[in-house]
Amino acid sequence: MRYFVHCKSSIGNDLFLLHQNGCVLFPDPETVEFLGDFDGANEALKAARSRFGVTAGCRFCCPECNVPRRADAEAGDARTNASNGGSPP
């Protein structure tokens, strides 16, 4: 499967999104870079992270790699722990 990385953030953060060719939420072709052909989304995500940094999979075409919710939860745990006198993990 062919994978692409959306390189222009529309939400004002440094998160890049991984998309499969044909995704219903595929962004404007002028804002993506071809990443390559991979056997699965997890393999593509590893390549995207090594090339672009913070990357997550599209929630529709790469749900197994859609990790922003987990990252948000971990950040929330760290804030809660710190506000209770603990140190972030």
C-alpha atoms as a PDB file:
ATOM      1  CA  MET A   1       0.000   0.000   0.000  1.00  0.00           C
ATOM      2  CA  ARG A   2       1.183   3.532  -0.747  1.00  0.00           C
ATOM      3  CA  TYR A   3       1.525   5.933   2.179  1.00  0.00           C
ATOM      4  CA  PHE A   4       1.740   9.708   2.315  1.00  0.00           C
ATOM      5  CA  VAL A   5       2.417  12.245   5.063  1.00  0.00           C
ATOM      6  CA  HIS A   6       0.374  15.410   5.371  1.00  0.00           C
ATOM      7  CA  CYS A   7       3.044  18.044   5.923  1.00  0.00           C
ATOM      8  CA  LYS A   8       0.885  21.108   6.500  1.00  0.00           C
ATOM      9  CA  SER A   9      -0.808  21.232   9.863  1.00  0.00           C
ATOM     10  CA  SER A  10      -4.293  22.678   9.841  1.00  0.00           C
ATOM     11  CA  ILE A  11      -4.614  22.698  13.617  1.00  0.00           C
ATOM     12  CA  GLY A  12      -1.515  24.680  14.489  1.00  0.00           C
ATOM     13  CA  ASN A  13       0.706  21.994  16.006  1.00  0.00           C
ATOM     14  CA  ASP A  14       3.707  19.992  14.866  1.00  0.00           C
ATOM     15  CA  LEU A  15       1.825  16.721  14.357  1.00  0.00           C
ATOM     16  CA  PHE A  16       2.128  15.111  10.940  1.00  0.00           C
ATOM     17  CA  LEU A  17      -0.559  12.709   9.719  1.00  0.00           C
ATOM     18  CA  LEU A  18       0.021   9.466   7.864  1.00  0.00           C
ATOM     19  CA  HIS A  19      -2.512   8.571   5.132  1.00  0.00           C
ATOM     20  CA  GLN A  20      -2.988   5.632   2.813  1.00  0.00           C
ATOM     21  CA  ASN A  21      -3.615   6.256  -0.845  1.00  0.00           C
ATOM     22  CA  GLY A  22      -7.386   6.521  -1.355  1.00  0.00           C
ATOM     23  CA  CYS A  23      -8.248   7.720   2.172  1.00  0.00           C
ATOM     24  CA  VAL A  24     -11.605   9.517   2.408  1.00  0.00           C
ATOM     25  CA  LEU A  25      -9.804  12.315   4.312  1.00  0.00           C
ATOM     26  CA  PHE A  26      -6.819  12.516   1.973  1.00  0.00           C
ATOM     27  CA  PRO A  27      -5.590  16.128   2.092  1.00  0.00           C
ATOM     28  CA  ASP A  28      -4.826  18.424  -0.807  1.00  0.00           C
ATOM     29  CA  PRO A  29      -2.142  16.643  -2.868  1.00  0.00           C
ATOM     30  CA  GLU A  30       0.001  19.783  -2.741  1.00  0.00           C
ATOM     31  CA  THR A  31       0.330  19.388   1.041  1.00  0.00           C
ATOM     32  CA  VAL A  32       1.507  15.762   1.165  1.00  0.00           C
ATOM     33  CA  GLU A  33       4.786  13.976   0.574  1.00  0.00           C
ATOM     34  CA  PHE A  34       4.979  10.444  -0.734  1.00  0.00           C
ATOM     35  CA  LEU A  35       6.484   8.264   1.983  1.00  0.00           C
ATOM     36  CA  GLY A  36       6.674   4.985   0.127  1.00  0.00           C
ATOM     37  CA  ASP A  37       5.105   1.564  -0.285  1.00  0.00           C
ATOM     38  CA  PHE A  38       4.783  -0.500   2.897  1.00  0.00           C
ATOM     39  CA  ASP A  39       3.155  -3.770   3.921  1.00  0.00           C
ATOM     40  CA  GLY A  40       1.246  -2.085   6.738  1.00  0.00           C
ATOM     41  CA  ALA A  41       0.530   1.159   8.530  1.00  0.00           C
ATOM     42  CA  ASN A  42       2.765   0.398  11.513  1.00  0.00           C
ATOM     43  CA  GLU A  43       5.778  -0.070   9.229  1.00  0.00           C
ATOM     44  CA  ALA A  44       4.915   3.174   7.417  1.00  0.00           C
ATOM     45  CA  LEU A  45       4.490   5.016  10.719  1.00  0.00           C
ATOM     46  CA  LYS A  46       7.998   4.034  11.836  1.00  0.00           C
ATOM     47  CA  ALA A  47       9.418   5.391   8.583  1.00  0.00           C
ATOM     48  CA  ALA A  48       7.350   8.581   8.865  1.00  0.00           C
ATOM     49  CA  ARG A  49       8.498   9.206  12.432  1.00  0.00           C
ATOM     50  CA  SER A  50      12.141   8.768  11.505  1.00  0.00           C
ATOM     51  CA  ARG A  51      11.730  11.251   8.662  1.00  0.00           C
ATOM     52  CA  PHE A  52       9.217  13.788  10.056  1.00  0.00           C
ATOM     53  CA  GLY A  53       9.207  13.405  13.844  1.00  0.00           C
ATOM     54  CA  VAL A  54       5.868  13.410  15.657  1.00  0.00           C
ATOM     55  CA  THR A  55       3.498  11.516  13.373  1.00  0.00           C
ATOM     56  CA  ALA A  56       0.181   9.740  13.899  1.00  0.00           C
ATOM     57  CA  GLY A  57      -1.980   7.694  11.592  1.00  0.00           C
ATOM     58  CA  CYS A  58      -5.221   9.011  10.153  1.00  0.00           C
ATOM     59  CA  ARG A  59      -8.143   7.806  12.260  1.00  0.00           C
ATOM     60  CA  PHE A  60      -9.928   6.508   9.155  1.00  0.00           C
ATOM     61  CA  CYS A  61      -7.294   4.868   6.975  1.00  0.00           C
ATOM     62  CA  CYS A  62      -4.661   4.040   9.629  1.00  0.00           C
ATOM     63  CA  PRO A  63      -6.646   3.552  12.861  1.00  0.00           C
ATOM     64  CA  GLU A  64      -4.064   1.133  14.267  1.00  0.00           C
ATOM     65  CA  CYS A  65      -1.578   4.036  14.209  1.00  0.00           C
ATOM     66  CA  ASN A  66      -3.897   6.785  15.416  1.00  0.00           C
ATOM     67  CA  VAL A  67      -2.224   7.634  18.709  1.00  0.00           C
ATOM     68  CA  PRO A  68      -3.076  11.278  19.534  1.00  0.00           C
ATOM     69  CA  ARG A  69      -5.700  10.195  22.067  1.00  0.00           C
ATOM     70  CA  ARG A  70      -3.165   8.019  23.888  1.00  0.00           C
ATOM     71  CA  ALA A  71      -0.602  10.835  23.830  1.00  0.00           C
ATOM     72  CA  ASP A  72      -3.212  13.273  25.159  1.00  0.00           C
ATOM     73  CA  ALA A  73      -4.117  10.832  27.933  1.00  0.00           C
ATOM     74  CA  GLU A  74      -0.464  10.386  28.909  1.00  0.00           C
ATOM     75  CA  ALA A  75       0.024  14.157  28.974  1.00  0.00           C
ATOM     76  CA  GLY A  76      -3.090  14.482  31.132  1.00  0.00           C
ATOM     77  CA  ASP A  77      -1.744  11.848  33.531  1.00  0.00           C
ATOM     78  CA  ALA A  78       1.531  13.760  33.813  1.00  0.00           C
ATOM     79  CA  ARG A  79      -0.297  17.034  34.513  1.00  0.00           C
ATOM     80  CA  THR A  80      -2.508  15.367  37.112  1.00  0.00           C
ATOM     81  CA  ASN A  81       0.457  13.684  38.772  1.00  0.00           C
ATOM     82  CA  ALA A  82       2.438  16.938  38.833  1.00  0.00           C
ATOM     83  CA  SER A  83      -0.499  18.895  40.270  1.00  0.00           C
ATOM     84  CA  ASN A  84      -0.770  16.313  43.057  1.00  0.00           C
ATOM     85  CA  GLY A  85       2.850  16.889  44.054  1.00  0.00           C
ATOM     86  CA  GLY A  86       4.271  14.005  42.027  1.00  0.00           C
ATOM     87  CA  SER A  87       6.684  14.175  39.204  1.00  0.00           C
ATOM     88  CA  PRO A  88       5.739  13.469  35.580  1.00  0.00           C
ATOM     89  CA  PRO A  89       6.509   9.918  34.405  1.00  0.00           C
END
